[in-house]
Amino acid sequence: MKPTLLVLAAGMGSRYGGLKQIDPLGPSGETIIDYSIYDAVRAGFGKIVYIVRDYFLDAFKEAVAQKYSHVTCPDGEPLQFEFVTQE
């Protein structure tokens, strides 16, 4: 059984002024979460679970699921995603 990466991303970003979790920051528009996913997949993780606010769910699904729907684990299995909401 492959490990699961739990991404705690339910913060409002009030000090930052927005959704820092999905704002582009890398040289090619990568997000902070992109770097975490890349490292997790290379380390053998097979599933990513995002904990987000219900209010941000659609934004996360759009930013994350489409970008990583084609990603496979080193063993060739597709990377799995799940979104859990927290109020």
Protein backbone atom coordinates (compact mmCIF):
# COMPACT_ATOMS: atom_id res chain seq x y z
CA MET A 1 0.00 0.00 0.00
CA LYS A 2 1.36 3.40 -1.01
CA PRO A 3 1.38 6.29 1.46
CA THR A 4 -1.09 9.16 1.18
CA LEU A 5 -0.06 12.83 1.23
CA LEU A 6 -2.42 14.97 3.29
CA VAL A 7 -2.43 18.63 2.20
CA LEU A 8 -3.90 20.99 4.79
CA ALA A 9 -5.09 23.88 2.63
CA ALA A 10 -8.18 25.23 4.41
CA GLY A 11 -6.57 28.51 5.47
CA MET A 12 -8.23 31.72 4.39
CA GLY A 13 -4.98 33.46 3.45
CA SER A 14 -6.13 36.61 5.23
CA ARG A 15 -2.59 37.88 5.90
CA TYR A 16 -1.46 36.92 2.40
CA GLY A 17 -4.56 38.37 0.78
CA GLY A 18 -5.68 35.36 -1.25
CA LEU A 19 -5.33 31.66 -1.89
CA LYS A 20 -1.58 31.29 -1.55
CA GLN A 21 -1.95 27.52 -1.90
CA ILE A 22 -2.82 27.80 -5.61
CA ASP A 23 -1.22 31.11 -6.58
CA PRO A 24 1.60 30.65 -9.10
CA LEU A 25 5.06 31.34 -7.73
CA GLY A 26 7.61 29.25 -9.64
CA PRO A 27 9.39 30.18 -12.87
CA SER A 28 6.79 28.31 -14.97
CA GLY A 29 3.77 29.15 -12.82
CA GLU A 30 4.21 26.33 -10.31
CA THR A 31 2.40 26.58 -6.99
CA ILE A 32 3.73 25.63 -3.57
CA ILE A 33 1.51 22.55 -3.75
CA ASP A 34 3.01 21.58 -7.13
CA TYR A 35 6.42 21.21 -5.51
CA SER A 36 4.96 19.09 -2.70
CA ILE A 37 3.15 16.80 -5.15
CA TYR A 38 6.26 16.38 -7.28
CA ASP A 39 8.35 15.34 -4.28
CA ALA A 40 5.60 13.07 -2.91
CA VAL A 41 5.18 11.19 -6.19
CA ARG A 42 8.93 10.69 -6.49
CA ALA A 43 8.97 9.37 -2.90
CA GLY A 44 6.30 6.77 -3.73
CA PHE A 45 3.07 8.41 -2.58
CA GLY A 46 0.04 7.20 -4.51
CA LYS A 47 -2.76 9.43 -3.28
CA ILE A 48 -3.15 13.12 -2.46
CA VAL A 49 -5.92 14.24 -0.08
CA TYR A 50 -6.64 17.96 0.09
CA ILE A 51 -8.44 19.44 3.06
CA VAL A 52 -9.99 22.70 1.89
CA ARG A 53 -12.83 25.03 2.79
CA ASP A 54 -16.08 24.31 0.97
CA TYR A 55 -15.94 27.87 -0.37
CA PHE A 56 -12.62 27.13 -2.14
CA LEU A 57 -13.42 23.61 -3.36
CA ASP A 58 -14.16 24.53 -6.98
CA ALA A 59 -11.02 26.67 -7.26
CA PHE A 60 -8.88 23.81 -5.93
CA LYS A 61 -10.44 21.24 -8.20
CA GLU A 62 -9.86 23.46 -11.20
CA ALA A 63 -6.27 24.31 -10.25
CA VAL A 64 -5.21 20.84 -9.15
CA ALA A 65 -7.26 18.06 -10.68
CA GLN A 66 -6.89 19.20 -14.29
CA LYS A 67 -3.17 19.78 -13.91
CA TYR A 68 -2.48 16.35 -12.40
CA SER A 69 -5.09 14.11 -14.03
CA HIS A 70 -2.36 12.66 -16.29
CA VAL A 71 0.28 12.09 -13.59
CA THR A 72 1.31 8.53 -12.88
CA CYS A 73 3.26 7.07 -9.99
CA PRO A 74 6.68 5.50 -10.62
CA ASP A 75 4.99 2.08 -10.88
CA GLY A 76 2.71 3.33 -13.69
CA GLU A 77 -0.46 3.57 -11.61
CA PRO A 78 -2.41 6.85 -11.88
CA LEU A 79 -2.04 9.31 -9.03
CA GLN A 80 -5.25 9.44 -7.00
CA PHE A 81 -6.85 12.62 -5.66
CA GLU A 82 -9.48 13.30 -3.06
CA PHE A 83 -10.91 16.56 -1.73
CA VAL A 84 -12.28 16.86 1.80
CA THR A 85 -14.01 20.02 2.97
CA GLN A 86 -13.80 21.72 6.34
CA GLU A 87 -15.88 24.66 7.48
